[in-house]
Amino acid sequence: LACCRRRVESPRPRGGPLTRAAAAMRTCMLCTPSPPVDEESVQNVQWQMGEDPLLESREVTHGRRSFGSKLCCGCCCGCCCLLLLGVAIVGGFAANCVRQTTSQDSIALPVVKKLGGSGNFTLQNMTKIPESRWSELSAHVHFSWKTENGYPFGYVAADAAPELLLNASKVDGISDQIPEKLRGVYWMQGNLAPQVLGVLNYAKWYDQEQTLLMPNSPWTWAWWGGQDAGYPHGLDMASKLVHTLTSGKDLAESYTADTAINTTLSFVFEKCPAGAVCKEGEGNLTYAKIMMHPNGNLRKHGMVFYDGYTMEQATPAAEVPEGQRDGALFFHRAEIFCGLLGRGTGYNLTKIIDGNGKRVDPYFTEYLRFMDNNPLIVWSGLLETPTTTVAPSTTAETTASATTTKEAGTTAETTSSTTSSPSTTASTTSSATTANR
């Protein structure tokens, strides 16, 4: 169009919008094989619209198109058509892929039969919720804040964060039921999003179904906490772009939004298929499909864009000690739109601390180099339980209460004394443990 305008010498016509449109139509006719616009028809329309066609100061010159004009217009039309065709093809492909992804069955359906009822699984379904331990570990969190809905977050040092996550997620009767090769702290090495660490320790393991259900809970993830203008060491351009669009703080707080707070992740392990990083046909927890379930509803899933979302065991570095090699490295495949952005996209789940709290090198050293003394953000606890204020009792009620207490006699005092002893011991043990950490 710019090419055509340069080749047609006509001033901007005066008059209303219709007059200018008519002049533009005449100009465009120079770039098309159609005959010129009928002047009489255009003027009749202008009179009907209340405009005076005589306001146009100069007639647009009609003439034959040159070869350059034809070539210019042909290129413009061809590029526009190809662009529209490409958008239509990509959009149709993406829409079809989303339809296929959303129509998949939930991989956690075999576990639903054991749960019964509605088939929901959230943090409240865990047999133990270690809120007291989470509260103790919050002493290591600095510059704390709360979200709009009241969930606490804060910053921790990069070298201390892995051990804190491990201690917060190890719960007797829960963590020891999870296969040993899955325990520990994983570094999301190569993750485009500003999410750095994760643990699988605080989850429910179903051995017969080879399924792990991981509810959304505090102290299970750690996000990049450096300055907004800074980036982790060695980050590529794609990751820098994502870090610019989404900060670690925003991503962390999104986990406690009303629409995400009860989300559950399911890991279903099976034999390694062809085309995966792990050895084809191998079992032993080398390959798992992953799905997320909004509101903890295991009958449905929330997968929309990710059609390939798996966890595949890879061969660790030769420097990793023999006793720590099994489960030290997984490839987390994250393919979106049926691999439209490329097959094999994802990042490594690199274990930097094993289930016993021992560092896994050289991975732990590489993680510290990546963080470059920048802090991490952690979700440090649940909502505070509101305290209820008891109204002052009347004299009669106080007297009755005192009488009842006296009637209880020595038995109540003995019971109270016996009960307080383990509490004191536990408090002492907790203090000693904290000091050792």
Protein backbone atom coordinates (compact mmCIF):
# COMPACT_ATOMS: atom_id res chain seq x y z
CA LEU A 1 0.00 0.00 0.00
CA ALA A 2 2.90 2.36 0.81
CA CYS A 3 4.40 1.53 -2.57
CA CYS A 4 1.16 2.40 -4.34
CA ARG A 5 0.79 5.64 -2.46
CA ARG A 6 4.22 6.77 -3.49
CA ARG A 7 3.32 6.19 -7.14
CA VAL A 8 0.07 8.12 -7.06
CA GLU A 9 0.39 11.88 -6.76
CA SER A 10 -2.84 13.09 -5.23
CA PRO A 11 -3.34 15.46 -2.31
CA ARG A 12 -5.40 14.56 0.72
CA PRO A 13 -9.01 15.24 -0.36
CA ARG A 14 -11.21 17.48 1.66
CA GLY A 15 -14.69 16.59 2.79
CA GLY A 16 -16.28 13.98 5.04
CA PRO A 17 -15.21 10.39 5.73
CA LEU A 18 -17.05 9.06 2.70
CA THR A 19 -15.30 11.48 0.37
CA ARG A 20 -11.91 10.43 1.69
CA ALA A 21 -12.91 6.77 1.44
CA ALA A 22 -13.91 7.27 -2.18
CA ALA A 23 -10.54 8.82 -2.93
CA ALA A 24 -8.79 5.91 -1.22
CA MET A 25 -10.82 3.48 -3.33
CA ARG A 26 -9.66 5.21 -6.48
CA THR A 27 -6.04 5.01 -5.32
CA CYS A 28 -6.36 1.30 -4.52
CA MET A 29 -7.77 0.62 -7.96
CA LEU A 30 -4.37 1.52 -9.38
CA CYS A 31 -2.96 -1.58 -7.68
CA THR A 32 -5.69 -4.00 -8.77
CA PRO A 33 -6.75 -5.24 -12.19
CA SER A 34 -10.34 -4.06 -11.63
CA PRO A 35 -11.72 -1.13 -13.65
CA PRO A 36 -11.84 2.35 -12.04
CA VAL A 37 -14.63 3.19 -9.62
CA ASP A 38 -17.75 4.60 -11.25
CA GLU A 39 -17.62 8.31 -10.39
CA GLU A 40 -21.35 8.80 -10.79
CA SER A 41 -22.17 5.99 -8.36
CA VAL A 42 -19.76 7.35 -5.78
CA GLN A 43 -21.22 10.85 -6.10
CA ASN A 44 -24.78 9.54 -5.71
CA VAL A 45 -23.79 7.81 -2.48
CA GLN A 46 -22.11 10.98 -1.28
CA TRP A 47 -25.20 13.09 -1.94
CA GLN A 48 -27.34 10.56 -0.05
CA MET A 49 -24.95 10.76 2.93
CA GLY A 50 -25.19 14.56 2.93
CA GLU A 51 -21.68 15.20 1.63
CA ASP A 52 -20.70 17.41 -1.27
CA PRO A 53 -18.49 15.51 -3.73
CA LEU A 54 -17.40 18.81 -5.31
CA LEU A 55 -15.32 19.56 -2.20
CA GLU A 56 -12.60 17.35 -3.61
CA SER A 57 -10.06 19.79 -4.92
CA ARG A 58 -8.39 17.67 -7.53
CA GLU A 59 -9.30 14.54 -9.46
CA VAL A 60 -7.25 11.46 -8.81
CA THR A 61 -5.26 10.65 -11.88
CA HIS A 62 -6.04 7.28 -13.43
CA GLY A 63 -3.46 5.49 -15.43
CA ARG A 64 -1.93 2.17 -16.14
CA ARG A 65 0.16 0.46 -13.54
CA SER A 66 3.87 0.11 -14.04
CA PHE A 67 5.69 -3.20 -13.62
CA GLY A 68 7.18 -2.02 -10.31
CA SER A 69 3.72 -1.16 -9.01
CA LYS A 70 2.38 -4.57 -9.95
CA LEU A 71 5.33 -6.33 -8.32
CA CYS A 72 5.03 -4.27 -5.13
CA CYS A 73 1.32 -4.91 -4.74
CA GLY A 74 1.72 -8.58 -5.54
CA CYS A 75 4.38 -9.00 -2.86
CA CYS A 76 2.26 -7.19 -0.30
CA CYS A 77 -0.81 -9.30 -1.01
CA GLY A 78 1.22 -12.50 -1.02
CA CYS A 79 2.86 -11.76 2.33
CA CYS A 80 -0.48 -10.92 3.95
CA CYS A 81 -2.06 -14.10 2.63
CA LEU A 82 0.83 -16.25 3.84
CA LEU A 83 0.74 -14.60 7.27
CA LEU A 84 -2.99 -15.19 7.66
CA LEU A 85 -2.63 -18.76 6.44
CA GLY A 86 0.19 -19.42 8.92
CA VAL A 87 -1.80 -17.99 11.82
CA ALA A 88 -4.80 -20.12 10.87
CA ILE A 89 -2.72 -23.30 10.64
CA VAL A 90 -0.89 -22.74 13.93
CA GLY A 91 -4.08 -21.73 15.72
CA GLY A 92 -5.93 -24.78 14.46
CA PHE A 93 -3.07 -27.09 15.42
CA ALA A 94 -2.86 -25.60 18.93
CA ALA A 95 -6.63 -25.80 19.42
CA ASN A 96 -6.67 -29.45 18.36
CA CYS A 97 -3.77 -30.21 20.72
CA VAL A 98 -5.54 -28.53 23.65
CA ARG A 99 -8.64 -30.57 22.90
CA GLN A 100 -6.64 -33.80 22.93
CA THR A 101 -4.87 -32.86 26.17
CA THR A 102 -8.00 -31.85 28.06
CA SER A 103 -9.88 -34.97 26.93
CA GLN A 104 -7.35 -37.34 28.54
CA ASP A 105 -8.41 -39.39 31.54
CA SER A 106 -6.88 -38.69 34.92
CA ILE A 107 -3.89 -40.92 35.68
CA ALA A 108 -4.90 -41.04 39.37
CA LEU A 109 -8.19 -42.88 38.84
CA PRO A 110 -6.87 -46.20 40.30
CA VAL A 111 -6.21 -44.42 43.61
CA VAL A 112 -9.69 -42.86 43.70
CA LYS A 113 -11.20 -46.25 44.55
CA LYS A 114 -9.11 -46.39 47.72
CA LEU A 115 -9.98 -42.86 48.76
CA GLY A 116 -13.70 -43.33 48.26
CA GLY A 117 -16.19 -40.52 48.49
CA SER A 118 -15.57 -37.64 46.14
CA GLY A 119 -12.06 -38.75 45.24
CA ASN A 120 -10.46 -35.55 46.53
CA PHE A 121 -6.99 -35.40 48.05
CA THR A 122 -5.56 -32.22 49.59
CA LEU A 123 -3.31 -31.25 52.47
CA GLN A 124 -6.12 -32.00 54.91
CA ASN A 125 -6.00 -35.66 53.85
CA MET A 126 -2.44 -36.08 55.13
CA THR A 127 -2.28 -38.06 58.37
CA LYS A 128 0.10 -35.49 59.92
CA ILE A 129 0.52 -31.76 59.28
CA PRO A 130 3.72 -30.58 61.01
CA GLU A 131 2.64 -27.02 61.68
CA SER A 132 4.73 -26.77 64.88
CA ARG A 133 7.91 -27.74 63.01
CA TRP A 134 7.11 -25.30 60.22
CA SER A 135 6.68 -22.63 62.85
CA GLU A 136 10.06 -23.43 64.39
CA LEU A 137 11.83 -23.32 61.04
CA SER A 138 10.29 -19.93 60.33
CA ALA A 139 12.94 -18.50 62.67
CA HIS A 140 15.40 -18.99 59.78
CA VAL A 141 13.23 -16.93 57.41
CA HIS A 142 14.13 -13.26 56.98
CA PHE A 143 12.22 -10.22 55.69
CA SER A 144 8.91 -12.06 56.02
CA TRP A 145 5.64 -10.86 54.59
CA LYS A 146 2.10 -12.13 54.16
CA THR A 147 -0.02 -12.32 51.05
CA GLU A 148 -3.40 -10.63 50.78
CA ASN A 149 -5.08 -13.82 51.96
CA GLY A 150 -2.70 -14.19 54.91
CA TYR A 151 -0.09 -16.82 53.92
CA PRO A 152 3.47 -16.15 55.20
CA PHE A 153 6.51 -15.99 52.91
CA GLY A 154 10.11 -14.96 53.41
CA TYR A 155 13.71 -15.17 52.25
CA VAL A 156 16.33 -17.78 53.18
CA ALA A 157 20.00 -18.11 52.29
CA ALA A 158 20.76 -20.28 49.28
CA ASP A 159 23.19 -22.54 51.17
CA ALA A 160 20.70 -23.11 54.01
CA ALA A 161 17.53 -23.52 51.93
CA PRO A 162 18.04 -27.19 50.87
CA GLU A 163 18.53 -28.40 54.44
CA LEU A 164 15.55 -26.38 55.66
CA LEU A 165 13.30 -27.88 52.98
CA LEU A 166 14.48 -31.38 53.88
CA ASN A 167 13.90 -30.94 57.62
CA ALA A 168 10.49 -29.34 57.09
CA SER A 169 9.27 -32.11 54.77
CA LYS A 170 10.53 -35.14 56.74
CA VAL A 171 7.63 -36.42 58.84
CA ASP A 172 7.64 -39.75 60.64
CA GLY A 173 5.12 -42.17 59.18
CA ILE A 174 4.95 -40.24 55.90
CA SER A 175 8.40 -39.57 54.47
CA ASP A 176 9.73 -43.00 55.42
CA GLN A 177 6.97 -44.59 53.31
CA ILE A 178 8.24 -42.91 50.15
CA PRO A 179 10.82 -44.86 48.10
CA GLU A 180 14.34 -43.88 49.08
CA LYS A 181 15.43 -42.90 45.57
CA LEU A 182 12.76 -40.17 45.52
CA ARG A 183 13.71 -38.65 48.87
CA GLY A 184 15.92 -35.61 49.16
CA VAL A 185 16.02 -32.10 47.68
CA TYR A 186 15.99 -31.51 43.93
CA TRP A 187 17.38 -28.54 42.06
CA MET A 188 15.32 -27.63 38.97
CA GLN A 189 18.38 -27.16 36.82
CA GLY A 190 17.53 -25.40 33.56
CA ASN A 191 13.99 -24.47 34.53
CA LEU A 192 12.82 -21.42 32.55
CA ALA A 193 10.52 -20.30 35.37
CA PRO A 194 12.02 -18.76 38.56
CA GLN A 195 11.35 -21.93 40.58
CA VAL A 196 14.60 -23.38 41.91
CA LEU A 197 14.12 -26.18 44.50
CA GLY A 198 11.54 -28.87 45.21
CA VAL A 199 11.02 -31.92 47.41
CA LEU A 200 8.87 -35.06 47.13
CA ASN A 201 9.23 -36.07 50.77
CA TYR A 202 5.92 -34.79 52.10
CA ALA A 203 3.45 -36.82 50.05
CA LYS A 204 1.29 -39.95 50.15
CA TRP A 205 2.73 -43.08 48.54
CA TYR A 206 0.51 -45.91 47.24
CA ASP A 207 2.81 -48.85 46.68
CA GLN A 208 0.38 -51.13 44.86
CA GLU A 209 -0.57 -48.41 42.37
CA GLN A 210 2.99 -47.01 42.25
CA THR A 211 1.45 -43.57 42.70
CA LEU A 212 2.63 -40.53 44.64
CA LEU A 213 0.12 -37.85 45.64
CA MET A 214 1.73 -34.56 46.61
CA PRO A 215 -0.57 -31.88 48.06
CA ASN A 216 0.22 -28.19 47.85
CA SER A 217 1.89 -27.34 51.16
CA PRO A 218 4.51 -25.05 52.74
CA TRP A 219 8.21 -25.86 52.66
CA THR A 220 8.04 -27.99 49.51
CA TRP A 221 9.28 -25.41 46.95
CA ALA A 222 11.76 -22.55 46.81
CA TRP A 223 11.71 -19.70 44.29
CA TRP A 224 14.31 -17.27 43.01
CA GLY A 225 14.61 -14.36 45.46
CA GLY A 226 17.26 -12.19 43.83
CA GLN A 227 16.73 -8.65 42.65
CA ASP A 228 14.25 -8.13 39.81
CA ALA A 229 17.03 -6.85 37.58
CA GLY A 230 19.33 -9.76 38.39
CA TYR A 231 19.39 -13.26 36.94
CA PRO A 232 20.77 -16.57 38.17
CA HIS A 233 24.29 -17.43 37.07
CA GLY A 234 24.50 -18.92 33.57
CA LEU A 235 20.87 -18.23 32.59
CA ASP A 236 20.12 -18.34 28.85
CA MET A 237 18.17 -15.66 26.95
CA ALA A 238 14.85 -17.56 27.04
CA SER A 239 15.05 -17.93 30.81
CA LYS A 240 15.98 -14.27 31.22
CA LEU A 241 12.87 -13.32 29.26
CA VAL A 242 10.67 -15.47 31.52
CA HIS A 243 12.34 -14.03 34.64
CA THR A 244 11.60 -10.55 33.31
CA LEU A 245 7.92 -11.32 32.77
CA THR A 246 7.38 -13.31 36.00
CA SER A 247 9.28 -12.70 39.23
CA GLY A 248 9.98 -15.41 41.78
CA LYS A 249 7.84 -13.59 44.32
CA ASP A 250 4.80 -13.46 42.03
CA LEU A 251 5.16 -17.13 41.13
CA ALA A 252 5.55 -18.12 44.78
CA GLU A 253 2.47 -16.20 45.90
CA SER A 254 0.43 -17.73 43.06
CA TYR A 255 0.69 -21.11 44.84
CA THR A 256 -1.46 -19.74 47.67
CA ALA A 257 -4.12 -18.13 45.48
CA ASP A 258 -7.68 -19.29 46.09
CA THR A 259 -7.70 -21.15 42.78
CA ALA A 260 -4.40 -22.97 43.47
CA ILE A 261 -4.18 -23.54 47.22
CA ASN A 262 -5.72 -27.04 47.06
CA THR A 263 -3.94 -28.22 43.92
CA THR A 264 -2.47 -31.74 44.10
CA LEU A 265 0.24 -33.30 41.92
CA SER A 266 0.05 -36.98 41.01
CA PHE A 267 3.06 -39.07 39.90
CA VAL A 268 2.22 -42.46 38.41
CA PHE A 269 5.29 -44.66 37.83
CA GLU A 270 5.39 -47.28 35.10
CA LYS A 271 7.84 -48.98 32.76
CA CYS A 272 9.94 -46.66 30.64
CA PRO A 273 8.50 -46.32 27.10
CA ALA A 274 10.41 -45.94 23.86
CA GLY A 275 11.73 -42.46 23.13
CA ALA A 276 12.25 -41.52 26.78
CA VAL A 277 15.57 -40.67 28.41
CA CYS A 278 15.43 -43.74 30.64
CA LYS A 279 16.16 -47.24 29.38
CA GLU A 280 13.22 -48.69 27.46
CA GLY A 281 11.26 -51.28 29.39
CA GLU A 282 12.98 -50.56 32.70
CA GLY A 283 10.90 -50.22 35.85
CA ASN A 284 12.16 -49.43 39.34
CA LEU A 285 10.68 -45.91 39.40
CA THR A 286 12.57 -44.72 36.33
CA TYR A 287 9.58 -43.18 34.54
CA ALA A 288 6.48 -41.35 35.79
CA LYS A 289 3.61 -39.44 34.26
CA ILE A 290 2.65 -36.25 36.08
CA MET A 291 -0.68 -34.47 36.32
CA MET A 292 -2.02 -31.60 38.38
CA HIS A 293 -5.48 -31.73 39.92
CA PRO A 294 -7.18 -28.42 40.81
CA ASN A 295 -9.06 -28.48 44.11
CA GLY A 296 -7.56 -31.91 44.77
CA ASN A 297 -10.10 -33.62 42.50
CA LEU A 298 -8.28 -36.76 41.35
CA ARG A 299 -11.10 -37.67 38.97
CA LYS A 300 -10.16 -34.73 36.76
CA HIS A 301 -6.96 -32.97 35.80
CA GLY A 302 -5.94 -29.44 34.98
CA MET A 303 -3.59 -30.18 32.10
CA VAL A 304 -4.34 -27.83 29.19
CA PHE A 305 -1.11 -27.00 27.36
CA TYR A 306 1.24 -29.73 28.60
CA ASP A 307 0.64 -32.91 26.62
CA GLY A 308 4.06 -34.34 27.57
CA TYR A 309 4.62 -33.98 31.33
CA THR A 310 6.86 -36.74 32.65
CA MET A 311 9.77 -37.58 34.94
CA GLU A 312 12.48 -39.77 33.38
CA GLN A 313 15.58 -41.07 35.13
CA ALA A 314 18.85 -40.07 33.50
CA THR A 315 22.47 -41.10 34.00
CA PRO A 316 24.14 -38.91 36.64
CA ALA A 317 27.63 -37.45 36.41
CA ALA A 318 30.53 -39.83 36.90
CA GLU A 319 31.66 -37.88 39.99
CA VAL A 320 28.48 -38.76 41.92
CA PRO A 321 29.29 -41.38 44.60
CA GLU A 322 28.00 -44.89 43.97
CA GLY A 323 25.66 -44.89 46.95
CA GLN A 324 23.93 -41.70 45.76
CA ARG A 325 23.61 -42.39 42.04
CA ASP A 326 20.18 -44.03 42.01
CA GLY A 327 17.64 -41.23 41.66
CA ALA A 328 20.27 -38.49 41.56
CA LEU A 329 19.17 -37.18 38.17
CA PHE A 330 15.79 -37.09 36.39
CA PHE A 331 14.75 -35.31 33.23
CA HIS A 332 11.45 -33.47 33.68
CA ARG A 333 9.89 -33.38 30.24
CA ALA A 334 7.54 -30.42 29.69
CA GLU A 335 6.27 -30.35 26.11
CA ILE A 336 3.47 -27.93 25.28
CA PHE A 337 1.03 -27.85 22.36
CA CYS A 338 2.00 -31.34 21.18
CA GLY A 339 5.65 -30.36 20.88
CA LEU A 340 4.91 -27.25 18.81
CA LEU A 341 7.84 -25.46 20.48
CA GLY A 342 10.05 -28.51 20.08
CA ARG A 343 10.22 -32.06 21.35
CA GLY A 344 12.33 -32.84 24.37
CA THR A 345 11.80 -29.49 26.09
CA GLY A 346 12.13 -29.48 29.86
CA TYR A 347 14.78 -29.36 32.57
CA ASN A 348 16.74 -31.60 34.94
CA LEU A 349 15.67 -32.58 38.44
CA THR A 350 19.12 -32.74 40.03
CA LYS A 351 19.40 -34.06 43.57
CA ILE A 352 21.67 -31.86 45.70
CA ILE A 353 20.87 -33.42 49.11
CA ASP A 354 19.85 -37.06 49.58
CA GLY A 355 17.22 -38.37 51.97
CA ASN A 356 19.78 -38.69 54.78
CA GLY A 357 20.80 -35.04 54.55
CA LYS A 358 24.14 -35.66 52.81
CA ARG A 359 25.19 -33.34 50.02
CA VAL A 360 25.39 -34.81 46.53
CA ASP A 361 28.42 -33.43 44.70
CA PRO A 362 29.27 -32.09 42.22
CA TYR A 363 25.61 -31.04 41.99
CA PHE A 364 25.46 -29.14 45.28
CA THR A 365 28.53 -27.11 44.33
CA GLU A 366 27.04 -26.33 40.92
CA TYR A 367 23.82 -25.21 42.60
CA LEU A 368 25.68 -22.75 44.84
CA ARG A 369 27.52 -21.37 41.82
CA PHE A 370 24.19 -20.94 40.05
CA MET A 371 22.67 -19.03 42.99
CA ASP A 372 25.73 -16.73 43.28
CA ASN A 373 24.86 -15.76 46.89
CA ASN A 374 21.32 -14.74 45.99
CA PRO A 375 18.49 -15.72 48.39
CA LEU A 376 15.49 -17.95 47.82
CA ILE A 377 11.83 -17.42 48.68
CA VAL A 378 9.92 -20.04 50.70
CA TRP A 379 6.30 -20.45 51.75
CA SER A 380 6.81 -20.83 55.48
CA GLY A 381 3.43 -21.77 56.99
CA LEU A 382 -0.33 -21.99 56.91
CA LEU A 383 -2.89 -19.41 57.92
CA GLU A 384 -2.82 -18.42 61.56
CA THR A 385 -5.67 -19.87 63.59
CA PRO A 386 -7.72 -17.00 65.02
CA THR A 387 -7.69 -16.86 68.81
CA THR A 388 -11.00 -16.59 70.65
CA THR A 389 -11.37 -14.23 73.60
CA VAL A 390 -13.18 -15.73 76.60
CA ALA A 391 -15.47 -13.36 78.43
CA PRO A 392 -14.74 -12.81 82.17
CA SER A 393 -16.69 -15.31 84.23
CA THR A 394 -19.02 -14.31 87.05
CA THR A 395 -18.21 -14.87 90.70
CA ALA A 396 -20.56 -17.82 90.92
CA GLU A 397 -19.00 -19.46 87.86
CA THR A 398 -15.52 -18.91 89.26
CA THR A 399 -16.49 -20.41 92.60
CA ALA A 400 -18.07 -23.43 90.90
CA SER A 401 -15.01 -23.92 88.78
CA ALA A 402 -12.72 -23.72 91.79
CA THR A 403 -14.88 -26.22 93.68
CA THR A 404 -14.81 -28.63 90.76
CA THR A 405 -11.05 -28.31 90.54
CA LYS A 406 -10.63 -29.07 94.22
CA GLU A 407 -12.91 -32.09 93.94
CA ALA A 408 -10.68 -33.42 91.18
CA GLY A 409 -7.99 -33.68 93.85
CA THR A 410 -4.62 -35.17 93.53
CA THR A 411 -5.54 -37.32 90.50
CA ALA A 412 -5.94 -34.31 88.22
CA GLU A 413 -2.71 -32.78 89.46
CA THR A 414 -0.87 -36.05 88.92
CA THR A 415 -2.28 -36.39 85.40
CA SER A 416 -1.34 -32.80 84.58
CA SER A 417 2.16 -33.33 85.88
CA THR A 418 2.57 -36.56 83.96
CA THR A 419 1.34 -34.94 80.75
CA SER A 420 3.64 -31.96 81.00
CA SER A 421 6.80 -34.06 81.36
CA PRO A 422 6.94 -35.34 77.71
CA SER A 423 6.15 -31.83 76.54
CA THR A 424 9.12 -30.47 78.45
CA THR A 425 11.33 -33.26 77.10
CA ALA A 426 10.13 -32.63 73.53
CA SER A 427 10.74 -28.90 73.94
CA THR A 428 14.26 -29.59 75.21
CA THR A 429 14.93 -32.01 72.33
CA SER A 430 13.56 -29.50 69.82
CA SER A 431 15.80 -26.77 71.20
CA ALA A 432 18.83 -29.06 71.01
CA THR A 433 17.95 -30.08 67.46
CA THR A 434 17.58 -26.46 66.43
CA ALA A 435 20.96 -25.63 67.97
CA ASN A 436 22.59 -28.52 66.11
CA ARG A 437 21.13 -27.28 62.83
